[in-house]
Amino acid sequence: MIHSRIYLPSGELLRDVDREDLEGYVRDSRCVVWLDLDSPSAAEVELLGPLLGIMHLTLEDVTKQGQRAKIESYDHYLYVVIHGIKLGEVDQRLSLPELDLLLGPNYLVTVHYEPMENVLQHRQIAEMTASTMGRGADFLLYTLVDSLVDSYFPVLDSLDDRIDQLEDDIVERTTEGILARIFTLKRDVVVLRKVISPQIEVFNQLTSRTYDLVQDKHIVYFRDVHDHLIRAFEVIDSYRDLMTGALDAYLSTVSNRLNSVMKRLTLIATIFMPITFITRIHPDGNVSQVEIMVYRESHGGEVTSKRFLNQFREKGLNDEIRLHGNIVNVTGATLSSQALVKGVKRALVLWNLFYGKLK
C-alpha cells in the first residue's frame, strides 16, 4: 500500500492524495513529498519508475529485498538501505526488517515489507511530520533513520539482560539447555555485528562526502546518527567478548563437575577391586595400616601377609611407592602386588583431595 504525505509551501500537510495528483506535487520543487510503501506489490514499486525516474536496477533491489546496508548515488537520487532490529516478545527471536530509502531533490520514498514503528509514528502524527518535512526531504530522511537507530538500544539492553541471566545460570545450575542458549546468543551477536558494521560506513559517507541532495547544514545531524551506530557497534563487540567468556565458563563448570564425578567413580573402583582392602591414613597424610578384607583371586594370596603390607606404613603422597623399588615384590604374586601399590596410591590421592592439601 502506498501512503503519501505532501508538504505544501503554505505549511499545509496533505495526506494520501490521489496517485494522479502525485506527479504534479513531485514536479513542484516548493513541495516536499513523502511516499511510504508499506508491504507494496511489485506493481506499486514499478510506479516509482515513471513517477520519479528511478532506475530499473534500483527497483529490482527494492523488490527482491535481502540487500546489505549500502548507499548508492545516481544522477537525481540517492538509494540507501538500512535495517531495523526487532526482538520477539515471546520467543525472543531476532529479526532484521529492511528499510529502503530513495532521496530526491524534494521527495523521500520509504519501502518496507514489515511494520516499522518509527515510520508509522511519523506518518500518523501530522504535527511531527509537517515540522520535519518543512525542513526538507533530507531532514525527513535523518529523522526516520535516527529514530530507527535509537530503537536499537532497547533491544541491546534486553540482550544484555539475557546475557546476565545466562551467566548466573551457568554458575548456579548448569543444564543441557544452557549450551543451546549460549550458541543462540552468540549467533544473534554475530548477526547484529554484520548488520550494523556496513551501516556505519553508509553514514560515514553521508557525513564525509558531499551529496547535493543533503544540505550542508544537515550533515551534522547525520554525524550524530553515525556516532550512535559506533556506540551500538562497541556494545555488540563487548557482548561478543562476554559470550566467549560465558562459553569458557560453561565448559569449565562442566569439566569441574565431571572431575567431581570421576573422583567418586575412582573411589568406588578402588573399593570394588579384585582385592578389597582398607587403607588407614594418619591425619598427617601418611599410611598407618593396610588391611586386606577380601582376596578374590585364585592365586597370589601371599600379598595378604603382614610382612608385605607393613611396607606401606608411613608412606605419604610425596614418597616413592614403587614395586621393585621400596616395595619388595612377592614372588608369584606380581599382579596382585601391583594392584595393591596402585590402590594405596589412589587412596592417598583421594585423601589429599578430600581432606588434605598437596604437600
Protein backbone atom coordinates (compact mmCIF):
# COMPACT_ATOMS: atom_id res chain seq x y z
CA MET A 1 0.00 0.00 0.00
CA ILE A 2 1.21 3.49 -0.86
CA HIS A 3 0.79 6.21 1.76
CA SER A 4 1.60 9.78 0.79
CA ARG A 5 2.28 12.97 2.72
CA ILE A 6 2.63 16.24 0.84
CA TYR A 7 4.02 19.36 2.50
CA LEU A 8 2.86 22.47 0.65
CA PRO A 9 4.66 25.85 0.57
CA SER A 10 1.84 27.24 2.68
CA GLY A 11 2.71 24.83 5.50
CA GLU A 12 -0.32 22.66 4.92
CA LEU A 13 0.11 18.87 5.04
CA LEU A 14 -1.88 16.71 2.65
CA ARG A 15 -2.47 13.05 3.42
CA ASP A 16 -2.90 10.16 0.96
CA VAL A 17 -3.61 12.18 -2.18
CA ASP A 18 -4.73 10.53 -5.40
CA ARG A 19 -1.98 8.92 -7.43
CA GLU A 20 -2.94 11.03 -10.45
CA ASP A 21 -2.03 14.19 -8.49
CA LEU A 22 1.32 12.94 -7.21
CA GLU A 23 3.27 13.81 -10.35
CA GLY A 24 2.27 17.47 -10.10
CA TYR A 25 3.44 17.74 -6.50
CA VAL A 26 6.72 15.95 -7.30
CA ARG A 27 7.43 18.42 -10.14
CA ASP A 28 6.74 21.40 -7.90
CA SER A 29 10.12 21.95 -6.23
CA ARG A 30 8.45 24.00 -3.47
CA CYS A 31 6.62 20.90 -2.22
CA VAL A 32 8.12 18.08 -0.17
CA VAL A 33 6.70 14.63 -0.97
CA TRP A 34 6.95 11.55 1.21
CA LEU A 35 5.79 8.22 -0.21
CA ASP A 36 5.72 5.32 2.23
CA LEU A 37 5.28 1.94 0.54
CA ASP A 38 4.08 -0.44 3.26
CA SER A 39 4.29 -4.07 2.05
CA PRO A 40 3.85 -2.96 -1.56
CA SER A 41 3.08 -5.15 -4.53
CA ALA A 42 5.53 -5.38 -7.41
CA ALA A 43 3.20 -3.17 -9.49
CA GLU A 44 3.23 -0.45 -6.82
CA VAL A 45 7.03 -0.47 -6.75
CA GLU A 46 7.15 -0.23 -10.54
CA LEU A 47 5.11 3.01 -10.35
CA LEU A 48 8.20 4.73 -8.94
CA GLY A 49 9.95 4.38 -12.30
CA PRO A 50 7.80 6.70 -14.42
CA LEU A 51 6.78 8.86 -11.45
CA LEU A 52 10.25 9.64 -10.07
CA GLY A 53 12.61 8.38 -12.77
CA ILE A 54 14.01 5.59 -10.59
CA MET A 55 16.25 3.17 -12.47
CA HIS A 56 15.15 -0.41 -13.07
CA LEU A 57 18.19 -1.79 -11.17
CA THR A 58 17.16 0.12 -8.06
CA LEU A 59 13.56 -1.03 -8.35
CA GLU A 60 14.78 -4.62 -8.68
CA ASP A 61 16.80 -4.32 -5.46
CA VAL A 62 13.82 -2.79 -3.67
CA THR A 63 11.52 -5.58 -4.82
CA LYS A 64 13.83 -8.51 -4.09
CA GLN A 65 14.95 -7.27 -0.66
CA GLY A 66 17.76 -9.03 1.20
CA GLN A 67 20.15 -6.15 0.48
CA ARG A 68 23.21 -5.34 2.54
CA ALA A 69 23.27 -1.88 4.10
CA LYS A 70 24.59 0.48 1.43
CA ILE A 71 24.33 3.88 -0.21
CA GLU A 72 24.27 4.36 -4.00
CA SER A 73 24.34 7.73 -5.73
CA TYR A 74 22.52 8.31 -9.02
CA ASP A 75 22.02 11.40 -11.16
CA HIS A 76 18.99 12.74 -9.33
CA TYR A 77 18.51 10.49 -6.28
CA LEU A 78 20.24 8.53 -3.53
CA TYR A 79 19.42 4.93 -2.73
CA VAL A 80 20.01 3.99 0.93
CA VAL A 81 19.44 0.60 2.57
CA ILE A 82 19.42 0.18 6.35
CA HIS A 83 17.94 -2.37 8.75
CA GLY A 84 15.88 -2.31 11.90
CA ILE A 85 16.28 -4.64 14.85
CA LYS A 86 13.35 -6.39 16.48
CA LEU A 87 13.18 -8.96 19.25
CA GLY A 88 10.20 -11.30 19.51
CA GLU A 89 8.22 -10.75 22.71
CA VAL A 90 7.55 -14.46 23.23
CA ASP A 91 10.35 -16.43 21.59
CA GLN A 92 12.99 -13.66 21.82
CA ARG A 93 13.87 -14.37 18.20
CA LEU A 94 15.85 -11.68 16.40
CA SER A 95 14.51 -10.18 13.16
CA LEU A 96 16.09 -7.56 10.91
CA PRO A 97 13.49 -5.79 8.76
CA GLU A 98 14.92 -3.95 5.78
CA LEU A 99 14.14 -0.30 5.09
CA ASP A 100 14.86 1.06 1.59
CA LEU A 101 15.01 4.83 1.17
CA LEU A 102 15.09 6.87 -2.05
CA LEU A 103 16.05 10.51 -1.54
CA GLY A 104 15.38 13.00 -4.31
CA PRO A 105 15.53 16.83 -4.55
CA ASN A 106 12.10 17.26 -2.95
CA TYR A 107 10.93 13.75 -2.16
CA LEU A 108 11.65 10.74 0.03
CA VAL A 109 10.42 7.23 -0.64
CA THR A 110 10.45 4.61 2.11
CA VAL A 111 9.83 0.96 1.29
CA HIS A 112 9.40 -1.78 3.90
CA TYR A 113 7.73 -5.19 3.90
CA GLU A 114 7.34 -5.43 7.67
CA PRO A 115 5.66 -2.96 10.06
CA MET A 116 8.16 -0.37 11.32
CA GLU A 117 7.03 1.60 14.33
CA ASN A 118 9.22 4.64 13.75
CA VAL A 119 7.90 5.09 10.18
CA LEU A 120 4.31 4.57 11.28
CA GLN A 121 4.71 7.05 14.14
CA HIS A 122 5.96 9.84 11.89
CA ARG A 123 3.35 9.09 9.27
CA GLN A 124 0.43 9.21 11.70
CA ILE A 125 1.38 12.27 13.76
CA ALA A 126 0.63 15.19 11.46
CA GLU A 127 2.35 17.88 13.55
CA MET A 128 5.60 15.94 13.74
CA THR A 129 5.52 15.11 10.04
CA ALA A 130 4.81 18.70 9.00
CA SER A 131 7.57 20.20 11.14
CA THR A 132 10.05 17.65 9.82
CA MET A 133 9.11 17.86 6.16
CA GLY A 134 9.17 21.65 6.33
CA ARG A 135 12.97 21.43 6.71
CA GLY A 136 13.40 19.39 3.52
CA ALA A 137 13.37 15.79 2.30
CA ASP A 138 16.91 15.20 3.57
CA PHE A 139 15.90 16.19 7.11
CA LEU A 140 12.97 13.80 6.90
CA LEU A 141 15.49 11.09 5.95
CA TYR A 142 17.58 11.96 9.02
CA THR A 143 14.54 11.90 11.31
CA LEU A 144 13.47 8.43 10.18
CA VAL A 145 16.92 6.82 10.36
CA ASP A 146 17.68 8.49 13.68
CA SER A 147 14.55 7.06 15.30
CA LEU A 148 15.34 3.67 13.72
CA VAL A 149 18.87 3.62 15.16
CA ASP A 150 17.59 4.78 18.57
CA SER A 151 15.29 1.75 18.58
CA TYR A 152 18.39 -0.49 18.59
CA PHE A 153 19.31 0.30 22.19
CA PRO A 154 16.24 -1.17 23.97
CA VAL A 155 16.93 -4.40 22.06
CA LEU A 156 20.60 -4.31 23.08
CA ASP A 157 19.56 -3.71 26.71
CA SER A 158 17.28 -6.74 26.52
CA LEU A 159 20.15 -8.77 25.09
CA ASP A 160 22.36 -7.58 27.94
CA ASP A 161 19.77 -8.82 30.48
CA ARG A 162 19.65 -12.22 28.78
CA ILE A 163 23.44 -12.50 28.91
CA ASP A 164 23.46 -11.58 32.63
CA GLN A 165 20.82 -14.22 33.35
CA LEU A 166 22.77 -16.76 31.32
CA GLU A 167 25.94 -16.09 33.31
CA ASP A 168 24.04 -16.55 36.58
CA ASP A 169 22.56 -19.84 35.36
CA ILE A 170 25.99 -21.12 34.30
CA VAL A 171 27.32 -20.60 37.82
CA GLU A 172 24.24 -21.77 39.74
CA ARG A 173 22.73 -24.59 37.68
CA THR A 174 24.33 -25.97 34.55
CA THR A 175 21.74 -27.77 32.43
CA GLU A 176 21.73 -29.15 28.89
CA GLY A 177 19.68 -26.19 27.61
CA ILE A 178 22.33 -23.65 28.59
CA LEU A 179 24.69 -24.63 25.77
CA ALA A 180 21.90 -24.04 23.23
CA ARG A 181 21.21 -20.63 24.79
CA ILE A 182 24.90 -19.73 24.55
CA PHE A 183 25.08 -20.54 20.85
CA THR A 184 21.77 -18.76 20.15
CA LEU A 185 23.03 -15.58 21.79
CA LYS A 186 26.40 -15.88 20.06
CA ARG A 187 24.62 -16.18 16.71
CA ASP A 188 22.46 -13.14 17.47
CA VAL A 189 25.52 -11.08 18.38
CA VAL A 190 27.31 -12.09 15.17
CA VAL A 191 24.24 -11.20 13.08
CA LEU A 192 23.90 -7.81 14.75
CA ARG A 193 27.56 -7.08 14.17
CA LYS A 194 27.23 -7.94 10.47
CA VAL A 195 24.17 -5.68 10.16
CA ILE A 196 25.49 -2.62 11.98
CA SER A 197 29.03 -2.65 10.60
CA PRO A 198 28.11 -1.67 7.00
CA GLN A 199 25.62 0.93 8.27
CA ILE A 200 28.50 2.75 9.94
CA GLU A 201 30.12 3.08 6.52
CA VAL A 202 26.85 4.33 5.00
CA PHE A 203 26.62 7.24 7.44
CA ASN A 204 30.34 7.82 7.28
CA GLN A 205 29.87 8.53 3.57
CA LEU A 206 26.88 10.79 4.26
CA THR A 207 28.97 12.88 6.65
CA SER A 208 32.28 12.91 4.78
CA ARG A 209 31.18 13.09 1.13
CA THR A 210 29.32 15.95 -0.49
CA TYR A 211 25.96 14.89 -1.83
CA ASP A 212 23.99 17.65 -3.49
CA LEU A 213 20.79 16.18 -2.12
CA VAL A 214 21.95 16.59 1.50
CA GLN A 215 22.13 20.17 2.70
CA ASP A 216 25.37 21.19 4.40
CA LYS A 217 23.51 22.40 7.50
CA HIS A 218 22.02 18.93 7.96
CA ILE A 219 25.28 16.96 7.75
CA VAL A 220 25.84 17.43 11.48
CA TYR A 221 22.61 15.51 12.16
CA PHE A 222 23.79 12.53 10.14
CA ARG A 223 27.05 12.68 12.07
CA ASP A 224 25.03 12.19 15.25
CA VAL A 225 23.45 9.03 13.79
CA HIS A 226 26.94 7.85 12.84
CA ASP A 227 28.06 8.28 16.47
CA HIS A 228 25.08 6.28 17.72
CA LEU A 229 25.92 3.44 15.35
CA ILE A 230 29.52 3.37 16.55
CA ARG A 231 28.29 3.17 20.14
CA ALA A 232 25.93 0.31 19.26
CA PHE A 233 28.77 -1.49 17.46
CA GLU A 234 31.02 -1.17 20.52
CA VAL A 235 28.26 -2.53 22.77
CA ILE A 236 27.82 -5.52 20.45
CA ASP A 237 31.58 -6.13 20.46
CA SER A 238 31.51 -6.22 24.26
CA TYR A 239 28.66 -8.75 24.09
CA ARG A 240 30.77 -10.93 21.82
CA ASP A 241 33.54 -10.97 24.43
CA LEU A 242 31.00 -11.77 27.16
CA MET A 243 29.62 -14.69 25.16
CA THR A 244 33.12 -16.06 24.61
CA GLY A 245 33.70 -15.84 28.36
CA ALA A 246 30.32 -17.45 29.06
CA LEU A 247 31.17 -20.41 26.84
CA ASP A 248 34.55 -20.84 28.57
CA ALA A 249 32.87 -20.65 31.98
CA TYR A 250 30.28 -23.23 30.95
CA LEU A 251 32.93 -25.67 29.69
CA SER A 252 35.00 -25.12 32.84
CA THR A 253 31.96 -25.74 35.07
CA VAL A 254 31.08 -28.92 33.20
CA SER A 255 34.68 -30.08 33.41
CA ASN A 256 34.83 -29.43 37.15
CA ARG A 257 31.62 -31.36 37.73
CA LEU A 258 32.93 -34.19 35.58
CA ASN A 259 36.09 -34.28 37.68
CA SER A 260 33.97 -34.49 40.83
CA VAL A 261 32.06 -37.42 39.37
CA MET A 262 35.30 -39.11 38.35
CA LYS A 263 36.65 -38.79 41.89
CA ARG A 264 33.67 -40.67 43.22
CA LEU A 265 33.89 -43.28 40.49
CA THR A 266 37.58 -43.75 41.25
CA LEU A 267 36.77 -44.24 44.92
CA ILE A 268 34.12 -46.82 44.03
CA ALA A 269 36.50 -48.58 41.63
CA THR A 270 39.15 -48.66 44.34
CA ILE A 271 36.76 -50.26 46.82
CA PHE A 272 35.49 -52.89 44.41
CA MET A 273 38.85 -54.07 43.06
CA PRO A 274 39.51 -57.83 42.91
CA ILE A 275 41.31 -57.18 46.18
CA THR A 276 39.14 -55.38 48.71
CA PHE A 277 41.33 -53.64 51.25
CA ILE A 278 41.28 -50.73 53.65
CA THR A 279 43.99 -48.13 53.83
CA ARG A 280 44.19 -46.31 57.13
CA ILE A 281 45.77 -42.87 56.82
CA HIS A 282 47.09 -40.67 59.65
CA PRO A 283 45.90 -37.02 59.87
CA ASP A 284 49.38 -36.09 58.64
CA GLY A 285 48.62 -37.87 55.33
CA ASN A 286 50.82 -40.94 55.82
CA VAL A 287 49.67 -44.56 55.67
CA SER A 288 49.08 -46.07 59.07
CA GLN A 289 47.96 -49.54 58.06
CA VAL A 290 46.81 -51.56 55.05
CA GLU A 291 44.41 -54.42 55.76
CA ILE A 292 43.13 -56.96 53.22
CA MET A 293 39.40 -57.52 53.65
CA VAL A 294 38.65 -59.87 50.74
CA TYR A 295 41.02 -61.50 48.29
CA ARG A 296 39.14 -62.80 45.24
CA GLU A 297 41.98 -64.21 43.11
CA SER A 298 42.78 -67.93 42.95
CA HIS A 299 46.49 -67.34 43.39
CA GLY A 300 48.87 -64.68 44.71
CA GLY A 301 47.38 -64.72 48.20
CA GLU A 302 50.85 -64.13 49.68
CA VAL A 303 50.20 -60.37 49.42
CA THR A 304 47.85 -60.66 52.41
CA SER A 305 50.80 -61.30 54.71
CA LYS A 306 51.67 -58.67 57.32
CA ARG A 307 55.27 -58.67 56.14
CA PHE A 308 54.24 -57.42 52.71
CA LEU A 309 51.55 -54.97 53.87
CA ASN A 310 53.81 -53.36 56.51
CA GLN A 311 55.97 -52.00 53.67
CA PHE A 312 53.29 -49.30 53.04
CA ARG A 313 53.36 -47.94 56.56
CA GLU A 314 54.44 -44.29 56.97
CA LYS A 315 54.35 -43.80 53.22
CA GLY A 316 52.87 -40.47 52.05
CA LEU A 317 51.78 -38.98 48.75
CA ASN A 318 55.18 -37.47 48.15
CA ASP A 319 57.04 -40.68 48.96
CA GLU A 320 58.08 -43.15 46.34
CA ILE A 321 55.74 -46.13 46.34
CA ARG A 322 57.07 -48.36 43.59
CA LEU A 323 57.14 -52.11 43.15
CA HIS A 324 60.71 -53.43 42.85
CA GLY A 325 61.75 -50.13 44.42
CA ASN A 326 60.90 -49.53 48.06
CA ILE A 327 58.12 -52.12 47.88
CA VAL A 328 59.53 -55.64 47.60
CA ASN A 329 57.56 -57.83 45.24
CA VAL A 330 56.07 -61.17 46.36
CA THR A 331 57.33 -63.91 44.08
CA GLY A 332 54.44 -65.42 42.13
CA ALA A 333 52.10 -62.57 43.05
CA THR A 334 53.39 -59.75 40.88
CA LEU A 335 49.95 -58.69 39.52
CA SER A 336 48.42 -58.68 42.98
CA SER A 337 51.37 -56.69 44.32
CA GLN A 338 50.99 -54.12 41.54
CA ALA A 339 47.23 -53.84 42.23
CA LEU A 340 47.89 -53.07 45.90
CA VAL A 341 50.58 -50.49 45.10
CA LYS A 342 48.23 -48.67 42.70
CA GLY A 343 45.35 -48.94 45.15
CA VAL A 344 47.35 -47.38 48.01
CA LYS A 345 48.47 -44.55 45.71
CA ARG A 346 44.84 -43.85 44.74
CA ALA A 347 43.79 -43.85 48.38
CA LEU A 348 46.48 -41.27 49.23
CA VAL A 349 45.45 -39.06 46.31
CA LEU A 350 41.78 -39.24 47.29
CA TRP A 351 42.60 -38.44 50.93
CA ASN A 352 44.52 -35.35 49.88
CA LEU A 353 41.75 -34.24 47.52
CA PHE A 354 39.02 -34.56 50.10
CA TYR A 355 40.78 -33.91 53.42
CA GLY A 356 44.26 -32.68 52.97
CA LYS A 357 46.43 -30.41 50.90
CA LEU A 358 49.13 -31.42 48.45
CA LYS A 359 52.49 -31.07 50.07
